[in-house]
């Protein structure tokens, strides 16, 4: 991405849990009104996975996470900050948790555990929907022809 030389980087995860034979995905309702996946800015000295774990804990209270090996997907986009166009990269992992209870941070107004189709419909941004699709494809067995 070209731009001002400034670039923001965040890390997060598609988080899911199993309940009664169903896979449920976690969505967070942000104060600005959108539904999205948990994520946040990389702090100095952190690895991407450390950032994801810290942000997930800060935003949800979830500490028990099992990261899927070799699932690392990125999305890139531009956003406006103080009248300046800034490029942003977000790295997503896929993580399973046994934890159901969520302790929200102040930046969120709600959370939901939803099955894939409902979660996809609830998400505000197309790039988040695409990330959810990649996670679901990774977790689902290949379809028989």
Protein backbone atom coordinates (compact mmCIF):
# COMPACT_ATOMS: atom_id res chain seq x y z
CA UNK A 1 0.00 0.00 0.00
CA UNK A 2 1.28 3.42 -0.88
CA UNK A 3 0.43 6.50 1.10
CA UNK A 4 1.76 8.85 3.70
CA UNK A 5 4.37 6.50 5.10
CA UNK A 6 2.12 5.83 8.08
CA UNK A 7 0.54 2.43 8.27
CA UNK A 8 -1.52 0.86 11.00
CA UNK A 9 -1.44 -2.83 11.81
CA UNK A 10 -3.88 -4.78 13.92
CA UNK A 11 -4.29 -8.44 14.79
CA UNK A 12 -7.32 -10.43 15.86
CA UNK A 13 -9.11 -13.71 15.37
CA UNK A 14 -12.20 -15.45 14.20
CA UNK A 15 -13.23 -17.07 17.49
CA UNK A 16 -15.55 -20.04 17.69
CA UNK A 17 -16.82 -22.59 20.17
CA UNK A 18 -18.78 -25.80 19.91
CA UNK A 19 -22.17 -26.10 21.58
CA UNK A 20 -24.58 -29.03 21.16
CA UNK A 21 -22.93 -30.09 17.93
CA UNK A 22 -23.05 -26.59 16.45
CA UNK A 23 -20.17 -24.24 15.70
CA UNK A 24 -20.82 -20.72 16.98
CA UNK A 25 -18.78 -17.65 16.05
CA UNK A 26 -18.21 -14.62 18.26
CA UNK A 27 -19.19 -11.18 16.99
CA UNK A 28 -18.65 -7.92 18.86
CA UNK A 29 -20.92 -4.89 18.59
CA UNK A 30 -18.75 -1.79 18.47
CA UNK A 31 -19.92 1.53 19.91
CA UNK A 32 -19.91 3.08 16.42
CA UNK A 33 -22.66 0.62 15.49
CA UNK A 34 -20.92 -2.08 13.46
CA UNK A 35 -20.59 -5.80 14.18
CA UNK A 36 -17.10 -7.23 13.69
CA UNK A 37 -14.43 -9.63 14.89
CA UNK A 38 -12.20 -8.87 17.90
CA UNK A 39 -8.95 -7.15 16.93
CA UNK A 40 -6.61 -4.37 17.94
CA UNK A 41 -3.34 -2.56 17.36
CA UNK A 42 0.04 -4.24 17.60
CA UNK A 43 2.13 -2.88 20.47
CA UNK A 44 5.90 -2.55 20.29
CA UNK A 45 7.71 -5.85 20.76
CA UNK A 46 4.64 -8.06 20.32
CA UNK A 47 4.29 -10.88 17.84
CA UNK A 48 1.09 -11.03 15.82
CA UNK A 49 -0.28 -13.89 17.90
CA UNK A 50 0.59 -12.11 21.16
CA UNK A 51 -1.32 -9.06 19.92
CA UNK A 52 -4.32 -11.18 18.99
CA UNK A 53 -4.33 -12.94 22.38
CA UNK A 54 -3.99 -9.66 24.30
CA UNK A 55 -6.68 -7.88 22.29
CA UNK A 56 -9.09 -10.80 22.55
CA UNK A 57 -8.63 -10.89 26.32
CA UNK A 58 -9.00 -7.09 26.65
CA UNK A 59 -12.12 -7.00 24.47
CA UNK A 60 -13.87 -10.20 25.61
CA UNK A 61 -12.23 -11.61 28.75
CA UNK A 62 -11.50 -14.83 26.84
CA UNK A 63 -8.14 -16.30 27.82
CA UNK A 64 -8.54 -19.96 26.81
CA UNK A 65 -7.70 -20.02 23.11
CA UNK A 66 -6.49 -22.80 20.85
CA UNK A 67 -5.12 -21.27 17.64
CA UNK A 68 -5.53 -23.28 14.43
CA UNK A 69 -2.15 -24.12 12.93
CA UNK A 70 -1.26 -22.32 9.71
CA UNK A 71 -4.40 -20.13 9.59
CA UNK A 72 -3.15 -16.59 9.07
CA UNK A 73 -5.15 -14.37 6.77
CA UNK A 74 -4.82 -10.64 6.13
CA UNK A 75 -7.08 -7.87 4.95
CA UNK A 76 -5.92 -4.44 3.86
CA UNK A 77 -7.88 -1.24 3.49
CA UNK A 78 -7.67 2.54 3.78
CA UNK A 79 -9.39 4.71 6.37
CA UNK A 80 -9.54 8.42 7.13
CA UNK A 81 -7.89 9.74 10.28
CA UNK A 82 -7.75 13.49 10.93
CA UNK A 83 -8.31 14.18 7.24
CA UNK A 84 -5.51 11.85 6.19
CA UNK A 85 -5.88 8.59 4.25
CA UNK A 86 -4.11 5.84 6.22
CA UNK A 87 -3.44 2.27 5.03
CA UNK A 88 -4.25 -0.51 7.47
CA UNK A 89 -3.41 -4.20 7.53
CA UNK A 90 -5.27 -6.59 9.82
CA UNK A 91 -3.98 -10.11 10.46
CA UNK A 92 -6.55 -12.68 11.53
CA UNK A 93 -6.05 -16.04 13.16
CA UNK A 94 -8.62 -18.76 13.83
CA UNK A 95 -9.09 -19.76 17.46
CA UNK A 96 -11.33 -22.16 19.36
CA UNK A 97 -12.40 -21.48 22.93
CA UNK A 98 -14.40 -23.43 25.52
CA UNK A 99 -15.40 -20.12 27.16
CA UNK A 100 -18.97 -18.92 26.64
CA UNK A 101 -19.17 -15.92 28.97
CA UNK A 102 -17.94 -12.61 27.57
CA UNK A 103 -16.68 -9.64 29.59
CA UNK A 104 -16.91 -6.69 27.22
CA UNK A 105 -14.51 -3.78 27.15
CA UNK A 106 -15.77 -0.19 27.16
CA UNK A 107 -15.44 0.07 23.37
CA UNK A 108 -18.15 -2.56 22.81
CA UNK A 109 -21.87 -2.48 23.48
CA UNK A 110 -22.71 -6.13 22.89
CA UNK A 111 -21.65 -9.57 21.73
CA UNK A 112 -23.29 -12.58 20.13
CA UNK A 113 -22.39 -16.21 19.52
CA UNK A 114 -23.98 -17.14 16.19
CA UNK A 115 -23.87 -20.01 13.70
CA UNK A 116 -22.07 -19.26 10.43
CA UNK A 117 -24.96 -18.06 8.24
CA UNK A 118 -26.42 -15.76 10.90
CA UNK A 119 -23.00 -14.43 11.86
CA UNK A 120 -22.21 -13.65 8.23
CA UNK A 121 -25.50 -11.75 7.81
CA UNK A 122 -24.98 -9.81 11.05
CA UNK A 123 -21.46 -8.62 10.17
CA UNK A 124 -21.29 -5.08 8.86
CA UNK A 125 -18.21 -5.18 6.63
CA UNK A 126 -17.67 -7.37 3.56
CA UNK A 127 -14.01 -8.03 4.41
CA UNK A 128 -15.07 -9.43 7.80
CA UNK A 129 -17.68 -11.62 6.09
CA UNK A 130 -14.97 -12.90 3.75
CA UNK A 131 -12.73 -13.72 6.73
CA UNK A 132 -15.57 -15.63 8.37
CA UNK A 133 -16.07 -17.59 5.14
CA UNK A 134 -12.37 -18.55 5.09
CA UNK A 135 -12.62 -19.76 8.70
CA UNK A 136 -15.78 -21.77 8.00
CA UNK A 137 -14.17 -23.35 4.93
CA UNK A 138 -11.12 -24.31 6.99
CA UNK A 139 -13.26 -25.94 9.69
CA UNK A 140 -15.74 -27.70 7.40
CA UNK A 141 -15.03 -31.08 5.84
CA UNK A 142 -14.88 -31.08 2.02
CA UNK A 143 -18.28 -31.56 0.41
CA UNK A 144 -18.91 -34.97 -1.16
CA UNK A 145 -19.67 -34.87 -4.89
